[in-house]
Amino acid sequence: MLREATKEKDTFGLRVQEYMNKRELVPDEWINSLVKSRLQAKDVENGFVLDGYPRTLQQANMLEAYLQSQNRNLDAVLFLDVSQDTLRHRLAK
């Protein structure tokens, strides 16, 4: 969603690009706004997968509140716990 926002070249996209260029986290408020907007799209009416979101407690709280307001529920949450050694090994291949 962030990459898509930067393609727009509007004020928001340019500001997001600044954060990304500095390798800084885009503020939660902005991320939450993007997620809410995306979850309102027609193509996610029957389900969606969020990868890398939520990353903060504020993001998780917003997602929970938003889904409740839309009478939607999460069906599953996955947490992949992989050791650093395993990740290095996999990346090296």
PDB file of N, CA and C in Angstrom:
ATOM      1  N   MET A   1       0.826  -1.183   0.000  1.00  0.00           N
ATOM      2  CA  MET A   1       0.000   0.000   0.000  1.00  0.00           C
ATOM      3  C   MET A   1       0.872   1.249   0.000  1.00  0.00           C
ATOM      4  N   LEU A   2       2.002   1.167   0.708  1.00  0.00           N
ATOM      5  CA  LEU A   2       2.891   2.332   0.737  1.00  0.00           C
ATOM      6  C   LEU A   2       3.508   2.570  -0.642  1.00  0.00           C
ATOM      7  N   ARG A   3       3.918   1.499  -1.306  1.00  0.00           N
ATOM      8  CA  ARG A   3       4.483   1.675  -2.647  1.00  0.00           C
ATOM      9  C   ARG A   3       3.454   2.269  -3.601  1.00  0.00           C
ATOM     10  N   GLU A   4       2.221   1.808  -3.488  1.00  0.00           N
ATOM     11  CA  GLU A   4       1.155   2.355  -4.327  1.00  0.00           C
ATOM     12  C   GLU A   4       0.947   3.837  -4.036  1.00  0.00           C
ATOM     13  N   ALA A   5       0.992   4.206  -2.754  1.00  0.00           N
ATOM     14  CA  ALA A   5       0.803   5.615  -2.377  1.00  0.00           C
ATOM     15  C   ALA A   5       1.899   6.492  -2.984  1.00  0.00           C
ATOM     16  N   THR A   6       3.126   5.984  -3.012  1.00  0.00           N
ATOM     17  CA  THR A   6       4.222   6.796  -3.553  1.00  0.00           C
ATOM     18  C   THR A   6       4.119   6.965  -5.062  1.00  0.00           C
ATOM     19  N   LYS A   7       3.452   6.060  -5.730  1.00  0.00           N
ATOM     20  CA  LYS A   7       3.280   6.177  -7.186  1.00  0.00           C
ATOM     21  C   LYS A   7       2.358   7.325  -7.556  1.00  0.00           C
ATOM     22  N   GLU A   8       1.496   7.718  -6.635  1.00  0.00           N
ATOM     23  CA  GLU A   8       0.532   8.775  -6.919  1.00  0.00           C
ATOM     24  C   GLU A   8       1.195  10.134  -7.127  1.00  0.00           C
ATOM     25  N   LYS A   9       2.348  10.344  -6.521  1.00  0.00           N
ATOM     26  CA  LYS A   9       3.088  11.605  -6.644  1.00  0.00           C
ATOM     27  C   LYS A   9       2.301  12.808  -6.134  1.00  0.00           C
ATOM     28  N   ASP A  10       1.294  12.554  -5.290  1.00  0.00           N
ATOM     29  CA  ASP A  10       0.578  13.662  -4.665  1.00  0.00           C
ATOM     30  C   ASP A  10       1.293  14.011  -3.359  1.00  0.00           C
ATOM     31  N   THR A  11       0.757  14.950  -2.613  1.00  0.00           N
ATOM     32  CA  THR A  11       1.410  15.391  -1.377  1.00  0.00           C
ATOM     33  C   THR A  11       1.612  14.226  -0.415  1.00  0.00           C
ATOM     34  N   PHE A  12       0.583  13.417  -0.235  1.00  0.00           N
ATOM     35  CA  PHE A  12       0.674  12.283   0.674  1.00  0.00           C
ATOM     36  C   PHE A  12       1.743  11.303   0.197  1.00  0.00           C
ATOM     37  N   GLY A  13       1.702  10.947  -1.067  1.00  0.00           N
ATOM     38  CA  GLY A  13       2.673  10.002  -1.617  1.00  0.00           C
ATOM     39  C   GLY A  13       4.100  10.495  -1.491  1.00  0.00           C
ATOM     40  N   LEU A  14       4.312  11.770  -1.710  1.00  0.00           N
ATOM     41  CA  LEU A  14       5.656  12.339  -1.592  1.00  0.00           C
ATOM     42  C   LEU A  14       6.137  12.333  -0.142  1.00  0.00           C
ATOM     43  N   ARG A  15       5.232  12.586   0.788  1.00  0.00           N
ATOM     44  CA  ARG A  15       5.607  12.564   2.210  1.00  0.00           C
ATOM     45  C   ARG A  15       5.928  11.140   2.652  1.00  0.00           C
ATOM     46  N   VAL A  16       5.149  10.180   2.189  1.00  0.00           N
ATOM     47  CA  VAL A  16       5.433   8.773   2.495  1.00  0.00           C
ATOM     48  C   VAL A  16       6.801   8.400   1.934  1.00  0.00           C
ATOM     49  N   GLN A  17       7.087   8.838   0.715  1.00  0.00           N
ATOM     50  CA  GLN A  17       8.369   8.533   0.079  1.00  0.00           C
ATOM     51  C   GLN A  17       9.537   9.078   0.894  1.00  0.00           C
ATOM     52  N   GLU A  18       9.367  10.258   1.490  1.00  0.00           N
ATOM     53  CA  GLU A  18      10.427  10.826   2.327  1.00  0.00           C
ATOM     54  C   GLU A  18      10.755   9.899   3.494  1.00  0.00           C
ATOM     55  N   TYR A  19       9.727   9.388   4.157  1.00  0.00           N
ATOM     56  CA  TYR A  19       9.954   8.460   5.264  1.00  0.00           C
ATOM     57  C   TYR A  19      10.653   7.193   4.772  1.00  0.00           C
ATOM     58  N   MET A  20      10.190   6.665   3.669  1.00  0.00           N
ATOM     59  CA  MET A  20      10.759   5.434   3.146  1.00  0.00           C
ATOM     60  C   MET A  20      12.208   5.640   2.727  1.00  0.00           C
ATOM     61  N   ASN A  21      12.520   6.771   2.118  1.00  0.00           N
ATOM     62  CA  ASN A  21      13.888   7.057   1.699  1.00  0.00           C
ATOM     63  C   ASN A  21      14.840   7.129   2.895  1.00  0.00           C
ATOM     64  N   LYS A  22      14.340   7.621   4.024  1.00  0.00           N
ATOM     65  CA  LYS A  22      15.152   7.722   5.243  1.00  0.00           C
ATOM     66  C   LYS A  22      15.139   6.422   6.039  1.00  0.00           C
ATOM     67  N   ARG A  23      14.403   5.416   5.531  1.00  0.00           N
ATOM     68  CA  ARG A  23      14.234   4.133   6.226  1.00  0.00           C
ATOM     69  C   ARG A  23      13.615   4.320   7.607  1.00  0.00           C
ATOM     70  N   GLU A  24      12.677   5.261   7.668  1.00  0.00           N
ATOM     71  CA  GLU A  24      11.936   5.527   8.902  1.00  0.00           C
ATOM     72  C   GLU A  24      10.529   4.979   8.765  1.00  0.00           C
ATOM     73  N   LEU A  25       9.909   4.691   9.900  1.00  0.00           N
ATOM     74  CA  LEU A  25       8.535   4.204   9.888  1.00  0.00           C
ATOM     75  C   LEU A  25       7.570   5.336   9.553  1.00  0.00           C
ATOM     76  N   VAL A  26       6.641   5.051   8.691  1.00  0.00           N
ATOM     77  CA  VAL A  26       5.582   6.000   8.365  1.00  0.00           C
ATOM     78  C   VAL A  26       4.670   6.065   9.596  1.00  0.00           C
ATOM     79  N   PRO A  27       4.227   7.257   9.996  1.00  0.00           N
ATOM     80  CA  PRO A  27       3.404   7.386  11.209  1.00  0.00           C
ATOM     81  C   PRO A  27       2.168   6.478  11.196  1.00  0.00           C
ATOM     82  N   ASP A  28       1.831   5.953  12.378  1.00  0.00           N
ATOM     83  CA  ASP A  28       0.677   5.063  12.519  1.00  0.00           C
ATOM     84  C   ASP A  28      -0.591   5.654  11.933  1.00  0.00           C
ATOM     85  N   GLU A  29      -0.823   6.927  12.160  1.00  0.00           N
ATOM     86  CA  GLU A  29      -2.040   7.572  11.657  1.00  0.00           C
ATOM     87  C   GLU A  29      -2.158   7.425  10.137  1.00  0.00           C
ATOM     88  N   TRP A  30      -1.049   7.593   9.461  1.00  0.00           N
ATOM     89  CA  TRP A  30      -1.051   7.490   8.006  1.00  0.00           C
ATOM     90  C   TRP A  30      -1.290   6.051   7.568  1.00  0.00           C
ATOM     91  N   ILE A  31      -0.599   5.126   8.233  1.00  0.00           N
ATOM     92  CA  ILE A  31      -0.762   3.709   7.903  1.00  0.00           C
ATOM     93  C   ILE A  31      -2.201   3.287   8.148  1.00  0.00           C
ATOM     94  N   ASN A  32      -2.745   3.675   9.302  1.00  0.00           N
ATOM     95  CA  ASN A  32      -4.123   3.311   9.624  1.00  0.00           C
ATOM     96  C   ASN A  32      -5.098   3.858   8.584  1.00  0.00           C
ATOM     97  N   SER A  33      -4.866   5.058   8.132  1.00  0.00           N
ATOM     98  CA  SER A  33      -5.715   5.656   7.113  1.00  0.00           C
ATOM     99  C   SER A  33      -5.661   4.847   5.817  1.00  0.00           C
ATOM    100  N   LEU A  34      -4.468   4.433   5.417  1.00  0.00           N
ATOM    101  CA  LEU A  34      -4.317   3.618   4.214  1.00  0.00           C
ATOM    102  C   LEU A  34      -5.050   2.285   4.356  1.00  0.00           C
ATOM    103  N   VAL A  35      -4.893   1.653   5.511  1.00  0.00           N
ATOM    104  CA  VAL A  35      -5.517   0.350   5.737  1.00  0.00           C
ATOM    105  C   VAL A  35      -7.042   0.476   5.715  1.00  0.00           C
ATOM    106  N   LYS A  36      -7.566   1.471   6.417  1.00  0.00           N
ATOM    107  CA  LYS A  36      -9.024   1.672   6.411  1.00  0.00           C
ATOM    108  C   LYS A  36      -9.542   1.854   4.989  1.00  0.00           C
ATOM    109  N   SER A  37      -8.863   2.681   4.243  1.00  0.00           N
ATOM    110  CA  SER A  37      -9.268   2.941   2.869  1.00  0.00           C
ATOM    111  C   SER A  37      -9.237   1.652   2.046  1.00  0.00           C
ATOM    112  N   ARG A  38      -8.178   0.889   2.204  1.00  0.00           N
ATOM    113  CA  ARG A  38      -8.045  -0.359   1.434  1.00  0.00           C
ATOM    114  C   ARG A  38      -9.110  -1.376   1.815  1.00  0.00           C
ATOM    115  N   LEU A  39      -9.438  -1.455   3.107  1.00  0.00           N
ATOM    116  CA  LEU A  39     -10.428  -2.422   3.563  1.00  0.00           C
ATOM    117  C   LEU A  39     -11.849  -2.064   3.128  1.00  0.00           C
ATOM    118  N   GLN A  40     -12.026  -0.862   2.612  1.00  0.00           N
ATOM    119  CA  GLN A  40     -13.331  -0.451   2.107  1.00  0.00           C
ATOM    120  C   GLN A  40     -13.504  -0.786   0.625  1.00  0.00           C
ATOM    121  N   ALA A  41     -12.445  -1.273  -0.003  1.00  0.00           N
ATOM    122  CA  ALA A  41     -12.507  -1.587  -1.429  1.00  0.00           C
ATOM    123  C   ALA A  41     -13.367  -2.819  -1.687  1.00  0.00           C
ATOM    124  N   LYS A  42     -13.988  -2.828  -2.830  1.00  0.00           N
ATOM    125  CA  LYS A  42     -14.905  -3.907  -3.209  1.00  0.00           C
ATOM    126  C   LYS A  42     -14.213  -5.267  -3.241  1.00  0.00           C
ATOM    127  N   ASP A  43     -12.961  -5.305  -3.687  1.00  0.00           N
ATOM    128  CA  ASP A  43     -12.282  -6.590  -3.862  1.00  0.00           C
ATOM    129  C   ASP A  43     -11.884  -7.282  -2.555  1.00  0.00           C
ATOM    130  N   VAL A  44     -12.104  -6.640  -1.415  1.00  0.00           N
ATOM    131  CA  VAL A  44     -11.792  -7.297  -0.137  1.00  0.00           C
ATOM    132  C   VAL A  44     -13.048  -7.599   0.681  1.00  0.00           C
ATOM    133  N   GLU A  45     -14.195  -7.492   0.036  1.00  0.00           N
ATOM    134  CA  GLU A  45     -15.448  -7.777   0.733  1.00  0.00           C
ATOM    135  C   GLU A  45     -15.487  -9.197   1.297  1.00  0.00           C
ATOM    136  N   ASN A  46     -14.905 -10.147   0.568  1.00  0.00           N
ATOM    137  CA  ASN A  46     -14.965 -11.549   0.975  1.00  0.00           C
ATOM    138  C   ASN A  46     -13.722 -12.032   1.701  1.00  0.00           C
ATOM    139  N   GLY A  47     -12.830 -11.133   2.019  1.00  0.00           N
ATOM    140  CA  GLY A  47     -11.648 -11.519   2.779  1.00  0.00           C
ATOM    141  C   GLY A  47     -10.405 -10.784   2.352  1.00  0.00           C
ATOM    142  N   PHE A  48      -9.413 -10.854   3.202  1.00  0.00           N
ATOM    143  CA  PHE A  48      -8.153 -10.166   2.944  1.00  0.00           C
ATOM    144  C   PHE A  48      -7.061 -10.782   3.803  1.00  0.00           C
ATOM    145  N   VAL A  49      -5.830 -10.540   3.419  1.00  0.00           N
ATOM    146  CA  VAL A  49      -4.662 -10.945   4.189  1.00  0.00           C
ATOM    147  C   VAL A  49      -3.839  -9.691   4.425  1.00  0.00           C
ATOM    148  N   LEU A  50      -3.481  -9.455   5.669  1.00  0.00           N
ATOM    149  CA  LEU A  50      -2.610  -8.328   6.009  1.00  0.00           C
ATOM    150  C   LEU A  50      -1.230  -8.890   6.323  1.00  0.00           C
ATOM    151  N   ASP A  51      -0.230  -8.411   5.631  1.00  0.00           N
ATOM    152  CA  ASP A  51       1.145  -8.867   5.840  1.00  0.00           C
ATOM    153  C   ASP A  51       1.956  -7.698   6.372  1.00  0.00           C
ATOM    154  N   GLY A  52       2.450  -7.842   7.587  1.00  0.00           N
ATOM    155  CA  GLY A  52       3.247  -6.771   8.178  1.00  0.00           C
ATOM    156  C   GLY A  52       2.421  -5.693   8.856  1.00  0.00           C
ATOM    157  N   TYR A  53       1.172  -5.964   9.030  1.00  0.00           N
ATOM    158  CA  TYR A  53       0.271  -5.025   9.703  1.00  0.00           C
ATOM    159  C   TYR A  53      -0.681  -5.836  10.549  1.00  0.00           C
ATOM    160  N   PRO A  54      -0.952  -5.454  11.744  1.00  0.00           N
ATOM    161  CA  PRO A  54      -0.438  -4.290  12.477  1.00  0.00           C
ATOM    162  C   PRO A  54       0.951  -4.562  13.057  1.00  0.00           C
ATOM    163  N   ARG A  55       1.716  -3.495  13.206  1.00  0.00           N
ATOM    164  CA  ARG A  55       3.057  -3.581  13.794  1.00  0.00           C
ATOM    165  C   ARG A  55       3.136  -2.945  15.168  1.00  0.00           C
ATOM    166  N   THR A  56       2.157  -2.135  15.507  1.00  0.00           N
ATOM    167  CA  THR A  56       2.165  -1.463  16.809  1.00  0.00           C
ATOM    168  C   THR A  56       0.834  -1.707  17.502  1.00  0.00           C
ATOM    169  N   LEU A  57       0.815  -1.456  18.799  1.00  0.00           N
ATOM    170  CA  LEU A  57      -0.422  -1.610  19.560  1.00  0.00           C
ATOM    171  C   LEU A  57      -1.488  -0.648  19.053  1.00  0.00           C
ATOM    172  N   GLN A  58      -1.090   0.583  18.717  1.00  0.00           N
ATOM    173  CA  GLN A  58      -2.064   1.546  18.201  1.00  0.00           C
ATOM    174  C   GLN A  58      -2.680   1.042  16.900  1.00  0.00           C
ATOM    175  N   GLN A  59      -1.875   0.466  16.043  1.00  0.00           N
ATOM    176  CA  GLN A  59      -2.397  -0.078  14.792  1.00  0.00           C
ATOM    177  C   GLN A  59      -3.354  -1.239  15.063  1.00  0.00           C
ATOM    178  N   ALA A  60      -2.997  -2.101  15.988  1.00  0.00           N
ATOM    179  CA  ALA A  60      -3.859  -3.241  16.333  1.00  0.00           C
ATOM    180  C   ALA A  60      -5.187  -2.762  16.908  1.00  0.00           C
ATOM    181  N   ASN A  61      -5.128  -1.779  17.767  1.00  0.00           N
ATOM    182  CA  ASN A  61      -6.359  -1.232  18.356  1.00  0.00           C
ATOM    183  C   ASN A  61      -7.244  -0.599  17.299  1.00  0.00           C
ATOM    184  N   MET A  62      -6.646   0.127  16.360  1.00  0.00           N
ATOM    185  CA  MET A  62      -7.426   0.744  15.296  1.00  0.00           C
ATOM    186  C   MET A  62      -8.066  -0.330  14.431  1.00  0.00           C
ATOM    187  N   LEU A  63      -7.314  -1.353  14.095  1.00  0.00           N
ATOM    188  CA  LEU A  63      -7.850  -2.418  13.255  1.00  0.00           C
ATOM    189  C   LEU A  63      -9.024  -3.103  13.941  1.00  0.00           C
ATOM    190  N   GLU A  64      -8.855  -3.418  15.209  1.00  0.00           N
ATOM    191  CA  GLU A  64      -9.934  -4.062  15.957  1.00  0.00           C
ATOM    192  C   GLU A  64     -11.187  -3.190  15.983  1.00  0.00           C
ATOM    193  N   ALA A  65     -11.021  -1.909  16.291  1.00  0.00           N
ATOM    194  CA  ALA A  65     -12.158  -0.995  16.355  1.00  0.00           C
ATOM    195  C   ALA A  65     -12.809  -0.837  14.989  1.00  0.00           C
ATOM    196  N   TYR A  66     -11.994  -0.714  13.956  1.00  0.00           N
ATOM    197  CA  TYR A  66     -12.537  -0.541  12.615  1.00  0.00           C
ATOM    198  C   TYR A  66     -13.330  -1.774  12.187  1.00  0.00           C
ATOM    199  N   LEU A  67     -12.766  -2.948  12.387  1.00  0.00           N
ATOM    200  CA  LEU A  67     -13.460  -4.171  11.989  1.00  0.00           C
ATOM    201  C   LEU A  67     -14.774  -4.324  12.751  1.00  0.00           C
ATOM    202  N   GLN A  68     -14.764  -4.014  14.035  1.00  0.00           N
ATOM    203  CA  GLN A  68     -15.996  -4.079  14.816  1.00  0.00           C
ATOM    204  C   GLN A  68     -17.045  -3.114  14.267  1.00  0.00           C
ATOM    205  N   SER A  69     -16.616  -1.917  13.889  1.00  0.00           N
ATOM    206  CA  SER A  69     -17.558  -0.922  13.360  1.00  0.00           C
ATOM    207  C   SER A  69     -18.170  -1.364  12.037  1.00  0.00           C
ATOM    208  N   GLN A  70     -17.485  -2.272  11.345  1.00  0.00           N
ATOM    209  CA  GLN A  70     -17.965  -2.776  10.057  1.00  0.00           C
ATOM    210  C   GLN A  70     -18.605  -4.167  10.181  1.00  0.00           C
ATOM    211  N   ASN A  71     -18.773  -4.621  11.422  1.00  0.00           N
ATOM    212  CA  ASN A  71     -19.311  -5.969  11.683  1.00  0.00           C
ATOM    213  C   ASN A  71     -18.510  -7.056  10.977  1.00  0.00           C
ATOM    214  N   ARG A  72     -17.192  -6.904  11.018  1.00  0.00           N
ATOM    215  CA  ARG A  72     -16.282  -7.895  10.432  1.00  0.00           C
ATOM    216  C   ARG A  72     -15.406  -8.440  11.549  1.00  0.00           C
ATOM    217  N   ASN A  73     -14.942  -9.662  11.362  1.00  0.00           N
ATOM    218  CA  ASN A  73     -14.078 -10.302  12.349  1.00  0.00           C
ATOM    219  C   ASN A  73     -12.847 -10.881  11.668  1.00  0.00           C
ATOM    220  N   LEU A  74     -11.798 -11.019  12.459  1.00  0.00           N
ATOM    221  CA  LEU A  74     -10.628 -11.747  11.973  1.00  0.00           C
ATOM    222  C   LEU A  74     -10.899 -13.231  12.135  1.00  0.00           C
ATOM    223  N   ASP A  75     -10.562 -14.009  11.128  1.00  0.00           N
ATOM    224  CA  ASP A  75     -10.722 -15.458  11.209  1.00  0.00           C
ATOM    225  C   ASP A  75      -9.491 -16.124  11.789  1.00  0.00           C
ATOM    226  N   ALA A  76      -8.337 -15.541  11.538  1.00  0.00           N
ATOM    227  CA  ALA A  76      -7.094 -16.146  12.006  1.00  0.00           C
ATOM    228  C   ALA A  76      -5.993 -15.093  12.060  1.00  0.00           C
ATOM    229  N   VAL A  77      -5.055 -15.351  12.924  1.00  0.00           N
ATOM    230  CA  VAL A  77      -3.852 -14.527  13.016  1.00  0.00           C
ATOM    231  C   VAL A  77      -2.674 -15.491  13.078  1.00  0.00           C
ATOM    232  N   LEU A  78      -1.680 -15.250  12.262  1.00  0.00           N
ATOM    233  CA  LEU A  78      -0.487 -16.087  12.261  1.00  0.00           C
ATOM    234  C   LEU A  78       0.695 -15.294  12.787  1.00  0.00           C
ATOM    235  N   PHE A  79       1.469 -15.922  13.646  1.00  0.00           N
ATOM    236  CA  PHE A  79       2.710 -15.330  14.124  1.00  0.00           C
ATOM    237  C   PHE A  79       3.803 -16.333  13.814  1.00  0.00           C
ATOM    238  N   LEU A  80       4.704 -15.960  12.940  1.00  0.00           N
ATOM    239  CA  LEU A  80       5.795 -16.844  12.560  1.00  0.00           C
ATOM    240  C   LEU A  80       7.022 -16.493  13.397  1.00  0.00           C
ATOM    241  N   ASP A  81       7.437 -17.418  14.221  1.00  0.00           N
ATOM    242  CA  ASP A  81       8.577 -17.204  15.098  1.00  0.00           C
ATOM    243  C   ASP A  81       9.741 -18.043  14.584  1.00  0.00           C
ATOM    244  N   VAL A  82      10.680 -17.375  13.939  1.00  0.00           N
ATOM    245  CA  VAL A  82      11.806 -18.062  13.320  1.00  0.00           C
ATOM    246  C   VAL A  82      13.094 -17.479  13.890  1.00  0.00           C
ATOM    247  N   SER A  83      14.026 -18.343  14.214  1.00  0.00           N
ATOM    248  CA  SER A  83      15.285 -17.869  14.793  1.00  0.00           C
ATOM    249  C   SER A  83      16.097 -17.077  13.763  1.00  0.00           C
ATOM    250  N   GLN A  84      16.938 -16.197  14.267  1.00  0.00           N
ATOM    251  CA  GLN A  84      17.806 -15.406  13.392  1.00  0.00           C
ATOM    252  C   GLN A  84      18.720 -16.305  12.568  1.00  0.00           C
ATOM    253  N   ASP A  85      19.233 -17.366  13.174  1.00  0.00           N
ATOM    254  CA  ASP A  85      20.111 -18.299  12.451  1.00  0.00           C
ATOM    255  C   ASP A  85      19.375 -18.946  11.279  1.00  0.00           C
ATOM    256  N   THR A  86      18.151 -19.370  11.512  1.00  0.00           N
ATOM    257  CA  THR A  86      17.358 -19.978  10.443  1.00  0.00           C
ATOM    258  C   THR A  86      17.096 -18.977   9.332  1.00  0.00           C
ATOM    259  N   LEU A  87      16.782 -17.745   9.686  1.00  0.00           N
ATOM    260  CA  LEU A  87      16.540 -16.712   8.671  1.00  0.00           C
ATOM    261  C   LEU A  87      17.793 -16.452   7.839  1.00  0.00           C
ATOM    262  N   ARG A  88      18.940 -16.325   8.507  1.00  0.00           N
ATOM    263  CA  ARG A  88      20.195 -16.108   7.785  1.00  0.00           C
ATOM    264  C   ARG A  88      20.468 -17.261   6.813  1.00  0.00           C
ATOM    265  N   HIS A  89      20.260 -18.474   7.286  1.00  0.00           N
ATOM    266  CA  HIS A  89      20.485 -19.647   6.464  1.00  0.00           C
ATOM    267  C   HIS A  89      19.577 -19.632   5.236  1.00  0.00           C
ATOM    268  N   ARG A  90      18.309 -19.318   5.441  1.00  0.00           N
ATOM    269  CA  ARG A  90      17.350 -19.289   4.332  1.00  0.00           C
ATOM    270  C   ARG A  90      17.688 -18.176   3.333  1.00  0.00           C
ATOM    271  N   LEU A  91      18.068 -17.021   3.856  1.00  0.00           N
ATOM    272  CA  LEU A  91      18.412 -15.904   2.978  1.00  0.00           C
ATOM    273  C   LEU A  91      19.671 -16.183   2.179  1.00  0.00           C
ATOM    274  N   ALA A  92      20.591 -16.924   2.762  1.00  0.00           N
ATOM    275  CA  ALA A  92      21.859 -17.232   2.087  1.00  0.00           C
ATOM    276  C   ALA A  92      21.665 -18.183   0.904  1.00  0.00           C
ATOM    277  N   LYS A  93      20.573 -18.916   0.941  1.00  0.00           N
ATOM    278  CA  LYS A  93      20.311 -19.848  -0.176  1.00  0.00           C
ATOM    279  C   LYS A  93      19.687 -19.080  -1.298  1.00  0.00           C
TER     280      LYS A  93
END
